[in-house]
Amino acid sequence: MDTRQHFPGIIDRHPEADIPIPGLTSRLIQAGDQQFVFMAFAEDAVIPVHSHNAQWGVVLDGEIELTINGKIKHLKKGDSYFVEKGVPHSARISEGYKDLTLFDQPDRYKKK
């Protein structure tokens, strides 16, 4: 997949994150003890319940149904969310969804 259709060159020049989700294009930016990940989904995806360190994200395009600690949130372009450390969460992601997510841990994802 030509990732340039998803992100401008300033983002696209960063390495892909090793995230095993079909249809996902990602770019990983290491920022000290945190990671920024740009994500773009070319197909629908379901992310099962999981938890990790704190996570903040902003929706750049499309829609996501995010369940945080049992509460469902429907988010669209311009919306943001926060998941506290250790809180269980899951997602139903629609094709065309894009976001920028900050993970409060230095090794959430490896470079692909």
PDB file of N, CA and C in Angstrom:
ATOM      1  N   MET A   1       0.850  -1.184   0.000  1.00  0.00           N
ATOM      2  CA  MET A   1       0.000   0.000   0.000  1.00  0.00           C
ATOM      3  C   MET A   1       0.888   1.238   0.000  1.00  0.00           C
ATOM      4  N   ASP A   2       0.535   2.205  -0.795  1.00  0.00           N
ATOM      5  CA  ASP A   2       1.274   3.457  -0.875  1.00  0.00           C
ATOM      6  C   ASP A   2       0.829   4.356   0.273  1.00  0.00           C
ATOM      7  N   THR A   3       1.653   4.422   1.323  1.00  0.00           N
ATOM      8  CA  THR A   3       1.256   5.157   2.525  1.00  0.00           C
ATOM      9  C   THR A   3       1.169   6.659   2.299  1.00  0.00           C
ATOM     10  N   ARG A   4       1.751   7.170   1.223  1.00  0.00           N
ATOM     11  CA  ARG A   4       1.693   8.615   0.981  1.00  0.00           C
ATOM     12  C   ARG A   4       0.268   9.090   0.751  1.00  0.00           C
ATOM     13  N   GLN A   5      -0.618   8.198   0.395  1.00  0.00           N
ATOM     14  CA  GLN A   5      -2.014   8.594   0.243  1.00  0.00           C
ATOM     15  C   GLN A   5      -2.648   8.888   1.608  1.00  0.00           C
ATOM     16  N   HIS A   6      -2.017   8.468   2.680  1.00  0.00           N
ATOM     17  CA  HIS A   6      -2.571   8.639   4.016  1.00  0.00           C
ATOM     18  C   HIS A   6      -1.974   9.815   4.775  1.00  0.00           C
ATOM     19  N   PHE A   7      -0.670  10.039   4.631  1.00  0.00           N
ATOM     20  CA  PHE A   7       0.016  11.067   5.411  1.00  0.00           C
ATOM     21  C   PHE A   7       0.936  11.884   4.519  1.00  0.00           C
ATOM     22  N   PRO A   8       1.153  13.163   4.872  1.00  0.00           N
ATOM     23  CA  PRO A   8       2.129  13.961   4.123  1.00  0.00           C
ATOM     24  C   PRO A   8       3.553  13.480   4.409  1.00  0.00           C
ATOM     25  N   GLY A   9       4.483  13.870   3.554  1.00  0.00           N
ATOM     26  CA  GLY A   9       5.867  13.418   3.655  1.00  0.00           C
ATOM     27  C   GLY A   9       6.512  13.644   5.008  1.00  0.00           C
ATOM     28  N   ILE A  10       6.178  14.728   5.691  1.00  0.00           N
ATOM     29  CA  ILE A  10       6.771  15.031   6.997  1.00  0.00           C
ATOM     30  C   ILE A  10       6.467  13.924   8.024  1.00  0.00           C
ATOM     31  N   ILE A  11       5.334  13.238   7.830  1.00  0.00           N
ATOM     32  CA  ILE A  11       4.958  12.117   8.693  1.00  0.00           C
ATOM     33  C   ILE A  11       5.388  10.796   8.066  1.00  0.00           C
ATOM     34  N   ASP A  12       5.174  10.681   6.765  1.00  0.00           N
ATOM     35  CA  ASP A  12       5.434   9.434   6.048  1.00  0.00           C
ATOM     36  C   ASP A  12       6.903   9.016   6.093  1.00  0.00           C
ATOM     37  N   ARG A  13       7.805   9.938   6.337  1.00  0.00           N
ATOM     38  CA  ARG A  13       9.235   9.601   6.370  1.00  0.00           C
ATOM     39  C   ARG A  13       9.631   8.810   7.621  1.00  0.00           C
ATOM     40  N   HIS A  14       8.742   8.751   8.613  1.00  0.00           N
ATOM     41  CA  HIS A  14       9.014   8.000   9.837  1.00  0.00           C
ATOM     42  C   HIS A  14       8.754   6.513   9.617  1.00  0.00           C
ATOM     43  N   PRO A  15       9.360   5.647  10.423  1.00  0.00           N
ATOM     44  CA  PRO A  15       9.183   4.201  10.233  1.00  0.00           C
ATOM     45  C   PRO A  15       7.773   3.733  10.560  1.00  0.00           C
ATOM     46  N   GLU A  16       7.413   2.626   9.945  1.00  0.00           N
ATOM     47  CA  GLU A  16       6.139   1.993  10.252  1.00  0.00           C
ATOM     48  C   GLU A  16       6.218   1.343  11.626  1.00  0.00           C
ATOM     49  N   ALA A  17       5.124   1.360  12.351  1.00  0.00           N
ATOM     50  CA  ALA A  17       5.040   0.652  13.635  1.00  0.00           C
ATOM     51  C   ALA A  17       4.614  -0.785  13.344  1.00  0.00           C
ATOM     52  N   ASP A  18       5.156  -1.717  14.093  1.00  0.00           N
ATOM     53  CA  ASP A  18       4.817  -3.129  13.920  1.00  0.00           C
ATOM     54  C   ASP A  18       3.529  -3.429  14.691  1.00  0.00           C
ATOM     55  N   ILE A  19       2.398  -3.184  14.027  1.00  0.00           N
ATOM     56  CA  ILE A  19       1.077  -3.396  14.623  1.00  0.00           C
ATOM     57  C   ILE A  19       0.330  -4.365  13.707  1.00  0.00           C
ATOM     58  N   PRO A  20       0.114  -5.597  14.139  1.00  0.00           N
ATOM     59  CA  PRO A  20      -0.469  -6.621  13.258  1.00  0.00           C
ATOM     60  C   PRO A  20      -1.994  -6.533  13.105  1.00  0.00           C
ATOM     61  N   ILE A  21      -2.447  -5.487  12.422  1.00  0.00           N
ATOM     62  CA  ILE A  21      -3.873  -5.311  12.146  1.00  0.00           C
ATOM     63  C   ILE A  21      -4.025  -5.180  10.631  1.00  0.00           C
ATOM     64  N   PRO A  22      -4.802  -6.055  10.002  1.00  0.00           N
ATOM     65  CA  PRO A  22      -4.983  -5.973   8.548  1.00  0.00           C
ATOM     66  C   PRO A  22      -5.535  -4.616   8.116  1.00  0.00           C
ATOM     67  N   GLY A  23      -4.955  -4.070   7.039  1.00  0.00           N
ATOM     68  CA  GLY A  23      -5.424  -2.803   6.492  1.00  0.00           C
ATOM     69  C   GLY A  23      -4.898  -1.566   7.189  1.00  0.00           C
ATOM     70  N   LEU A  24      -4.048  -1.735   8.200  1.00  0.00           N
ATOM     71  CA  LEU A  24      -3.517  -0.595   8.954  1.00  0.00           C
ATOM     72  C   LEU A  24      -2.198  -0.115   8.360  1.00  0.00           C
ATOM     73  N   THR A  25      -2.100   1.180   8.157  1.00  0.00           N
ATOM     74  CA  THR A  25      -0.842   1.841   7.823  1.00  0.00           C
ATOM     75  C   THR A  25      -0.518   2.735   9.006  1.00  0.00           C
ATOM     76  N   SER A  26       0.736   2.692   9.460  1.00  0.00           N
ATOM     77  CA  SER A  26       1.102   3.467  10.648  1.00  0.00           C
ATOM     78  C   SER A  26       2.465   4.108  10.479  1.00  0.00           C
ATOM     79  N   ARG A  27       2.690   5.127  11.271  1.00  0.00           N
ATOM     80  CA  ARG A  27       3.989   5.784  11.348  1.00  0.00           C
ATOM     81  C   ARG A  27       4.289   6.030  12.816  1.00  0.00           C
ATOM     82  N   LEU A  28       5.491   5.637  13.236  1.00  0.00           N
ATOM     83  CA  LEU A  28       5.921   5.689  14.631  1.00  0.00           C
ATOM     84  C   LEU A  28       6.926   6.814  14.831  1.00  0.00           C
ATOM     85  N   ILE A  29       6.663   7.661  15.821  1.00  0.00           N
ATOM     86  CA  ILE A  29       7.587   8.731  16.181  1.00  0.00           C
ATOM     87  C   ILE A  29       7.952   8.547  17.646  1.00  0.00           C
ATOM     88  N   GLN A  30       9.216   8.229  17.889  1.00  0.00           N
ATOM     89  CA  GLN A  30       9.700   8.046  19.249  1.00  0.00           C
ATOM     90  C   GLN A  30       9.945   9.412  19.866  1.00  0.00           C
ATOM     91  N   ALA A  31       9.423   9.635  21.065  1.00  0.00           N
ATOM     92  CA  ALA A  31       9.542  10.926  21.728  1.00  0.00           C
ATOM     93  C   ALA A  31       9.955  10.707  23.179  1.00  0.00           C
ATOM     94  N   GLY A  32      11.212  10.404  23.388  1.00  0.00           N
ATOM     95  CA  GLY A  32      11.697  10.152  24.738  1.00  0.00           C
ATOM     96  C   GLY A  32      11.024   8.936  25.335  1.00  0.00           C
ATOM     97  N   ASP A  33      10.307   9.116  26.440  1.00  0.00           N
ATOM     98  CA  ASP A  33       9.637   8.015  27.126  1.00  0.00           C
ATOM     99  C   ASP A  33       8.218   7.771  26.615  1.00  0.00           C
ATOM    100  N   GLN A  34       7.883   8.377  25.478  1.00  0.00           N
ATOM    101  CA  GLN A  34       6.549   8.211  24.905  1.00  0.00           C
ATOM    102  C   GLN A  34       6.662   7.928  23.411  1.00  0.00           C
ATOM    103  N   GLN A  35       5.552   7.455  22.830  1.00  0.00           N
ATOM    104  CA  GLN A  35       5.495   7.225  21.392  1.00  0.00           C
ATOM    105  C   GLN A  35       4.250   7.882  20.809  1.00  0.00           C
ATOM    106  N   PHE A  36       4.429   8.540  19.664  1.00  0.00           N
ATOM    107  CA  PHE A  36       3.315   9.016  18.857  1.00  0.00           C
ATOM    108  C   PHE A  36       3.144   8.029  17.712  1.00  0.00           C
ATOM    109  N   VAL A  37       1.907   7.651  17.429  1.00  0.00           N
ATOM    110  CA  VAL A  37       1.645   6.768  16.301  1.00  0.00           C
ATOM    111  C   VAL A  37       0.521   7.370  15.472  1.00  0.00           C
ATOM    112  N   PHE A  38       0.813   7.639  14.197  1.00  0.00           N
ATOM    113  CA  PHE A  38      -0.211   8.004  13.230  1.00  0.00           C
ATOM    114  C   PHE A  38      -0.750   6.711  12.655  1.00  0.00           C
ATOM    115  N   MET A  39      -2.070   6.559  12.598  1.00  0.00           N
ATOM    116  CA  MET A  39      -2.679   5.334  12.083  1.00  0.00           C
ATOM    117  C   MET A  39      -3.747   5.674  11.047  1.00  0.00           C
ATOM    118  N   ALA A  40      -3.804   4.850   9.983  1.00  0.00           N
ATOM    119  CA  ALA A  40      -4.837   4.981   8.955  1.00  0.00           C
ATOM    120  C   ALA A  40      -5.326   3.575   8.619  1.00  0.00           C
ATOM    121  N   PHE A  41      -6.635   3.391   8.602  1.00  0.00           N
ATOM    122  CA  PHE A  41      -7.241   2.082   8.390  1.00  0.00           C
ATOM    123  C   PHE A  41      -7.924   2.022   7.027  1.00  0.00           C
ATOM    124  N   ALA A  42      -7.481   1.083   6.184  1.00  0.00           N
ATOM    125  CA  ALA A  42      -8.050   0.893   4.850  1.00  0.00           C
ATOM    126  C   ALA A  42      -9.230  -0.067   4.875  1.00  0.00           C
ATOM    127  N   GLU A  43      -9.488  -0.652   6.039  1.00  0.00           N
ATOM    128  CA  GLU A  43     -10.644  -1.541   6.199  1.00  0.00           C
ATOM    129  C   GLU A  43     -11.102  -1.508   7.650  1.00  0.00           C
ATOM    130  N   ASP A  44     -12.329  -1.985   7.874  1.00  0.00           N
ATOM    131  CA  ASP A  44     -12.859  -2.052   9.235  1.00  0.00           C
ATOM    132  C   ASP A  44     -11.967  -2.933  10.105  1.00  0.00           C
ATOM    133  N   ALA A  45     -11.902  -2.627  11.386  1.00  0.00           N
ATOM    134  CA  ALA A  45     -11.096  -3.422  12.322  1.00  0.00           C
ATOM    135  C   ALA A  45     -11.787  -3.485  13.682  1.00  0.00           C
ATOM    136  N   VAL A  46     -11.589  -4.596  14.359  1.00  0.00           N
ATOM    137  CA  VAL A  46     -12.074  -4.766  15.726  1.00  0.00           C
ATOM    138  C   VAL A  46     -10.861  -5.015  16.609  1.00  0.00           C
ATOM    139  N   ILE A  47     -10.694  -4.194  17.625  1.00  0.00           N
ATOM    140  CA  ILE A  47      -9.581  -4.312  18.562  1.00  0.00           C
ATOM    141  C   ILE A  47     -10.154  -4.867  19.868  1.00  0.00           C
ATOM    142  N   PRO A  48      -9.714  -6.075  20.272  1.00  0.00           N
ATOM    143  CA  PRO A  48     -10.271  -6.673  21.486  1.00  0.00           C
ATOM    144  C   PRO A  48      -9.874  -5.915  22.753  1.00  0.00           C
ATOM    145  N   VAL A  49     -10.554  -6.232  23.834  1.00  0.00           N
ATOM    146  CA  VAL A  49     -10.290  -5.598  25.128  1.00  0.00           C
ATOM    147  C   VAL A  49      -8.830  -5.837  25.527  1.00  0.00           C
ATOM    148  N   HIS A  50      -8.183  -4.770  25.958  1.00  0.00           N
ATOM    149  CA  HIS A  50      -6.791  -4.836  26.403  1.00  0.00           C
ATOM    150  C   HIS A  50      -6.526  -3.621  27.300  1.00  0.00           C
ATOM    151  N   SER A  51      -5.350  -3.570  27.891  1.00  0.00           N
ATOM    152  CA  SER A  51      -4.946  -2.403  28.685  1.00  0.00           C
ATOM    153  C   SER A  51      -3.437  -2.250  28.605  1.00  0.00           C
ATOM    154  N   HIS A  52      -2.968  -1.063  28.925  1.00  0.00           N
ATOM    155  CA  HIS A  52      -1.541  -0.730  28.895  1.00  0.00           C
ATOM    156  C   HIS A  52      -1.387   0.616  29.594  1.00  0.00           C
ATOM    157  N   ASN A  53      -0.255   1.261  29.434  1.00  0.00           N
ATOM    158  CA  ASN A  53      -0.055   2.591  30.013  1.00  0.00           C
ATOM    159  C   ASN A  53      -1.042   3.584  29.388  1.00  0.00           C
ATOM    160  N   ALA A  54      -1.068   4.798  29.913  1.00  0.00           N
ATOM    161  CA  ALA A  54      -2.008   5.812  29.444  1.00  0.00           C
ATOM    162  C   ALA A  54      -1.885   6.058  27.943  1.00  0.00           C
ATOM    163  N   GLN A  55      -3.026   6.444  27.347  1.00  0.00           N
ATOM    164  CA  GLN A  55      -3.115   6.684  25.910  1.00  0.00           C
ATOM    165  C   GLN A  55      -4.032   7.877  25.671  1.00  0.00           C
ATOM    166  N   TRP A  56      -3.581   8.805  24.830  1.00  0.00           N
ATOM    167  CA  TRP A  56      -4.410   9.930  24.408  1.00  0.00           C
ATOM    168  C   TRP A  56      -4.429   9.944  22.888  1.00  0.00           C
ATOM    169  N   GLY A  57      -5.566  10.236  22.302  1.00  0.00           N
ATOM    170  CA  GLY A  57      -5.638  10.276  20.853  1.00  0.00           C
ATOM    171  C   GLY A  57      -6.603  11.328  20.357  1.00  0.00           C
ATOM    172  N   VAL A  58      -6.402  11.701  19.091  1.00  0.00           N
ATOM    173  CA  VAL A  58      -7.297  12.630  18.414  1.00  0.00           C
ATOM    174  C   VAL A  58      -7.662  12.022  17.059  1.00  0.00           C
ATOM    175  N   VAL A  59      -8.941  12.074  16.720  1.00  0.00           N
ATOM    176  CA  VAL A  59      -9.434  11.530  15.461  1.00  0.00           C
ATOM    177  C   VAL A  59      -9.164  12.547  14.350  1.00  0.00           C
ATOM    178  N   LEU A  60      -8.428  12.098  13.327  1.00  0.00           N
ATOM    179  CA  LEU A  60      -8.103  12.960  12.198  1.00  0.00           C
ATOM    180  C   LEU A  60      -9.128  12.839  11.079  1.00  0.00           C
ATOM    181  N   ASP A  61      -9.748  11.664  10.963  1.00  0.00           N
ATOM    182  CA  ASP A  61     -10.751  11.425   9.930  1.00  0.00           C
ATOM    183  C   ASP A  61     -11.513  10.151  10.265  1.00  0.00           C
ATOM    184  N   GLY A  62     -12.730  10.031   9.789  1.00  0.00           N
ATOM    185  CA  GLY A  62     -13.507   8.815   9.975  1.00  0.00           C
ATOM    186  C   GLY A  62     -14.158   8.715  11.341  1.00  0.00           C
ATOM    187  N   GLU A  63     -14.507   7.460  11.689  1.00  0.00           N
ATOM    188  CA  GLU A  63     -15.231   7.210  12.935  1.00  0.00           C
ATOM    189  C   GLU A  63     -14.704   5.975  13.654  1.00  0.00           C
ATOM    190  N   ILE A  64     -14.860   6.005  14.976  1.00  0.00           N
ATOM    191  CA  ILE A  64     -14.468   4.893  15.834  1.00  0.00           C
ATOM    192  C   ILE A  64     -15.484   4.771  16.971  1.00  0.00           C
ATOM    193  N   GLU A  65     -15.780   3.534  17.336  1.00  0.00           N
ATOM    194  CA  GLU A  65     -16.575   3.265  18.540  1.00  0.00           C
ATOM    195  C   GLU A  65     -15.581   2.741  19.561  1.00  0.00           C
ATOM    196  N   LEU A  66     -15.333   3.525  20.577  1.00  0.00           N
ATOM    197  CA  LEU A  66     -14.328   3.202  21.583  1.00  0.00           C
ATOM    198  C   LEU A  66     -15.030   2.886  22.898  1.00  0.00           C
ATOM    199  N   THR A  67     -14.741   1.723  23.443  1.00  0.00           N
ATOM    200  CA  THR A  67     -15.311   1.334  24.732  1.00  0.00           C
ATOM    201  C   THR A  67     -14.207   1.422  25.776  1.00  0.00           C
ATOM    202  N   ILE A  68     -14.396   2.300  26.751  1.00  0.00           N
ATOM    203  CA  ILE A  68     -13.404   2.516  27.802  1.00  0.00           C
ATOM    204  C   ILE A  68     -14.052   2.165  29.129  1.00  0.00           C
ATOM    205  N   ASN A  69     -13.520   1.127  29.771  1.00  0.00           N
ATOM    206  CA  ASN A  69     -14.034   0.689  31.069  1.00  0.00           C
ATOM    207  C   ASN A  69     -15.551   0.453  31.021  1.00  0.00           C
ATOM    208  N   GLY A  70     -16.010  -0.146  29.909  1.00  0.00           N
ATOM    209  CA  GLY A  70     -17.421  -0.487  29.752  1.00  0.00           C
ATOM    210  C   GLY A  70     -18.308   0.613  29.207  1.00  0.00           C
ATOM    211  N   LYS A  71     -17.782   1.830  29.049  1.00  0.00           N
ATOM    212  CA  LYS A  71     -18.581   2.948  28.531  1.00  0.00           C
ATOM    213  C   LYS A  71     -18.254   3.177  27.055  1.00  0.00           C
ATOM    214  N   ILE A  72     -19.285   3.178  26.214  1.00  0.00           N
ATOM    215  CA  ILE A  72     -19.108   3.326  24.776  1.00  0.00           C
ATOM    216  C   ILE A  72     -19.106   4.802  24.384  1.00  0.00           C
ATOM    217  N   LYS A  73     -18.114   5.156  23.541  1.00  0.00           N
ATOM    218  CA  LYS A  73     -18.018   6.513  23.007  1.00  0.00           C
ATOM    219  C   LYS A  73     -17.964   6.405  21.485  1.00  0.00           C
ATOM    220  N   HIS A  74     -18.748   7.221  20.793  1.00  0.00           N
ATOM    221  CA  HIS A  74     -18.708   7.305  19.336  1.00  0.00           C
ATOM    222  C   HIS A  74     -17.946   8.578  18.988  1.00  0.00           C
ATOM    223  N   LEU A  75     -16.793   8.413  18.362  1.00  0.00           N
ATOM    224  CA  LEU A  75     -15.927   9.549  18.067  1.00  0.00           C
ATOM    225  C   LEU A  75     -15.788   9.748  16.565  1.00  0.00           C
ATOM    226  N   LYS A  76     -15.660  11.019  16.160  1.00  0.00           N
ATOM    227  CA  LYS A  76     -15.478  11.368  14.764  1.00  0.00           C
ATOM    228  C   LYS A  76     -14.412  12.465  14.665  1.00  0.00           C
ATOM    229  N   LYS A  77     -14.132  12.885  13.448  1.00  0.00           N
ATOM    230  CA  LYS A  77     -13.083  13.870  13.176  1.00  0.00           C
ATOM    231  C   LYS A  77     -13.140  15.040  14.162  1.00  0.00           C
ATOM    232  N   GLY A  78     -11.987  15.326  14.777  1.00  0.00           N
ATOM    233  CA  GLY A  78     -11.877  16.437  15.722  1.00  0.00           C
ATOM    234  C   GLY A  78     -12.063  16.046  17.173  1.00  0.00           C
ATOM    235  N   ASP A  79     -12.635  14.855  17.415  1.00  0.00           N
ATOM    236  CA  ASP A  79     -12.822  14.394  18.795  1.00  0.00           C
ATOM    237  C   ASP A  79     -11.511  13.836  19.343  1.00  0.00           C
ATOM    238  N   SER A  80     -11.373  13.876  20.650  1.00  0.00           N
ATOM    239  CA  SER A  80     -10.210  13.281  21.297  1.00  0.00           C
ATOM    240  C   SER A  80     -10.679  12.379  22.433  1.00  0.00           C
ATOM    241  N   TYR A  81      -9.755  11.548  22.902  1.00  0.00           N
ATOM    242  CA  TYR A  81     -10.080  10.622  23.988  1.00  0.00           C
ATOM    243  C   TYR A  81      -8.852  10.416  24.861  1.00  0.00           C
ATOM    244  N   PHE A  82      -9.098   9.918  26.060  1.00  0.00           N
ATOM    245  CA  PHE A  82      -8.010   9.587  26.982  1.00  0.00           C
ATOM    246  C   PHE A  82      -8.347   8.284  27.684  1.00  0.00           C
ATOM    247  N   VAL A  83      -7.384   7.374  27.729  1.00  0.00           N
ATOM    248  CA  VAL A  83      -7.521   6.108  28.445  1.00  0.00           C
ATOM    249  C   VAL A  83      -6.445   6.091  29.523  1.00  0.00           C
ATOM    250  N   GLU A  84      -6.854   6.021  30.771  1.00  0.00           N
ATOM    251  CA  GLU A  84      -5.887   5.992  31.868  1.00  0.00           C
ATOM    252  C   GLU A  84      -5.136   4.665  31.907  1.00  0.00           C
ATOM    253  N   LYS A  85      -3.971   4.682  32.510  1.00  0.00           N
ATOM    254  CA  LYS A  85      -3.135   3.495  32.643  1.00  0.00           C
ATOM    255  C   LYS A  85      -3.922   2.346  33.279  1.00  0.00           C
ATOM    256  N   GLY A  86      -3.849   1.176  32.654  1.00  0.00           N
ATOM    257  CA  GLY A  86      -4.457  -0.028  33.198  1.00  0.00           C
ATOM    258  C   GLY A  86      -5.949  -0.180  32.979  1.00  0.00           C
ATOM    259  N   VAL A  87      -6.601   0.802  32.361  1.00  0.00           N
ATOM    260  CA  VAL A  87      -8.055   0.736  32.152  1.00  0.00           C
ATOM    261  C   VAL A  87      -8.350  -0.100  30.899  1.00  0.00           C
ATOM    262  N   PRO A  88      -9.231  -1.116  31.036  1.00  0.00           N
ATOM    263  CA  PRO A  88      -9.566  -1.939  29.870  1.00  0.00           C
ATOM    264  C   PRO A  88     -10.336  -1.125  28.826  1.00  0.00           C
ATOM    265  N   HIS A  89      -9.977  -1.354  27.557  1.00  0.00           N
ATOM    266  CA  HIS A  89     -10.646  -0.671  26.463  1.00  0.00           C
ATOM    267  C   HIS A  89     -10.596  -1.521  25.197  1.00  0.00           C
ATOM    268  N   SER A  90     -11.511  -1.237  24.284  1.00  0.00           N
ATOM    269  CA  SER A  90     -11.582  -1.937  23.006  1.00  0.00           C
ATOM    270  C   SER A  90     -12.120  -0.962  21.974  1.00  0.00           C
ATOM    271  N   ALA A  91     -12.099  -1.377  20.688  1.00  0.00           N
ATOM    272  CA  ALA A  91     -12.558  -0.460  19.643  1.00  0.00           C
ATOM    273  C   ALA A  91     -13.135  -1.210  18.450  1.00  0.00           C
ATOM    274  N   ARG A  92     -14.077  -0.545  17.793  1.00  0.00           N
ATOM    275  CA  ARG A  92     -14.599  -0.941  16.488  1.00  0.00           C
ATOM    276  C   ARG A  92     -14.278   0.232  15.572  1.00  0.00           C
ATOM    277  N   ILE A  93     -13.393  -0.007  14.621  1.00  0.00           N
ATOM    278  CA  ILE A  93     -12.853   1.058  13.783  1.00  0.00           C
ATOM    279  C   ILE A  93     -13.426   0.929  12.375  1.00  0.00           C
ATOM    280  N   SER A  94     -13.891   2.041  11.819  1.00  0.00           N
ATOM    281  CA  SER A  94     -14.461   2.055  10.479  1.00  0.00           C
ATOM    282  C   SER A  94     -13.388   2.321   9.429  1.00  0.00           C
ATOM    283  N   GLU A  95     -13.547   1.696   8.274  1.00  0.00           N
ATOM    284  CA  GLU A  95     -12.671   1.946   7.132  1.00  0.00           C
ATOM    285  C   GLU A  95     -12.570   3.452   6.893  1.00  0.00           C
ATOM    286  N   GLY A  96     -11.357   3.945   6.654  1.00  0.00           N
ATOM    287  CA  GLY A  96     -11.141   5.377   6.439  1.00  0.00           C
ATOM    288  C   GLY A  96     -10.775   6.143   7.694  1.00  0.00           C
ATOM    289  N   TYR A  97     -10.772   5.457   8.840  1.00  0.00           N
ATOM    290  CA  TYR A  97     -10.423   6.102  10.109  1.00  0.00           C
ATOM    291  C   TYR A  97      -8.935   6.429  10.147  1.00  0.00           C
ATOM    292  N   LYS A  98      -8.608   7.619  10.641  1.00  0.00           N
ATOM    293  CA  LYS A  98      -7.219   8.042  10.854  1.00  0.00           C
ATOM    294  C   LYS A  98      -7.134   8.712  12.216  1.00  0.00           C
ATOM    295  N   ASP A  99      -6.005   8.488  12.899  1.00  0.00           N
ATOM    296  CA  ASP A  99      -5.810   9.194  14.168  1.00  0.00           C
ATOM    297  C   ASP A  99      -4.343   9.406  14.469  1.00  0.00           C
ATOM    298  N   LEU A 100      -4.123  10.202  15.475  1.00  0.00           N
ATOM    299  CA  LEU A 100      -2.802  10.399  16.071  1.00  0.00           C
ATOM    300  C   LEU A 100      -2.956  10.009  17.523  1.00  0.00           C
ATOM    301  N   THR A 101      -2.143   9.055  17.963  1.00  0.00           N
ATOM    302  CA  THR A 101      -2.237   8.553  19.332  1.00  0.00           C
ATOM    303  C   THR A 101      -0.896   8.714  20.031  1.00  0.00           C
ATOM    304  N   LEU A 102      -0.947   9.170  21.274  1.00  0.00           N
ATOM    305  CA  LEU A 102       0.241   9.263  22.120  1.00  0.00           C
ATOM    306  C   LEU A 102       0.143   8.173  23.181  1.00  0.00           C
ATOM    307  N   PHE A 103       1.140   7.309  23.229  1.00  0.00           N
ATOM    308  CA  PHE A 103       1.222   6.260  24.245  1.00  0.00           C
ATOM    309  C   PHE A 103       2.261   6.672  25.277  1.00  0.00           C
ATOM    310  N   ASP A 104       1.902   6.592  26.553  1.00  0.00           N
ATOM    311  CA  ASP A 104       2.797   6.988  27.630  1.00  0.00           C
ATOM    312  C   ASP A 104       3.703   5.826  28.029  1.00  0.00           C
ATOM    313  N   GLN A 105       4.427   5.325  27.045  1.00  0.00           N
ATOM    314  CA  GLN A 105       5.449   4.314  27.297  1.00  0.00           C
ATOM    315  C   GLN A 105       6.376   4.290  26.092  1.00  0.00           C
ATOM    316  N   PRO A 106       7.651   4.072  26.336  1.00  0.00           N
ATOM    317  CA  PRO A 106       8.632   4.176  25.258  1.00  0.00           C
ATOM    318  C   PRO A 106       8.666   2.975  24.313  1.00  0.00           C
ATOM    319  N   ASP A 107       8.068   1.867  24.711  1.00  0.00           N
ATOM    320  CA  ASP A 107       8.196   0.636  23.926  1.00  0.00           C
ATOM    321  C   ASP A 107       6.851  -0.018  23.617  1.00  0.00           C
ATOM    322  N   ARG A 108       5.806   0.791  23.513  1.00  0.00           N
ATOM    323  CA  ARG A 108       4.487   0.214  23.192  1.00  0.00           C
ATOM    324  C   ARG A 108       4.555  -0.553  21.870  1.00  0.00           C
ATOM    325  N   TYR A 109       5.199   0.057  20.864  1.00  0.00           N
ATOM    326  CA  TYR A 109       5.372  -0.607  19.571  1.00  0.00           C
ATOM    327  C   TYR A 109       6.823  -0.543  19.134  1.00  0.00           C
ATOM    328  N   LYS A 110       7.210  -1.522  18.374  1.00  0.00           N
ATOM    329  CA  LYS A 110       8.543  -1.563  17.761  1.00  0.00           C
ATOM    330  C   LYS A 110       8.442  -1.053  16.329  1.00  0.00           C
ATOM    331  N   LYS A 111       9.572  -0.672  15.745  1.00  0.00           N
ATOM    332  CA  LYS A 111       9.611  -0.322  14.334  1.00  0.00           C
ATOM    333  C   LYS A 111       9.448  -1.593  13.516  1.00  0.00           C
ATOM    334  N   LYS A 112       8.764  -1.477  12.412  1.00  0.00           N
ATOM    335  CA  LYS A 112       8.561  -2.621  11.513  1.00  0.00           C
ATOM    336  C   LYS A 112       9.775  -2.825  10.663  1.00  0.00           C
TER     337      LYS A 112
END
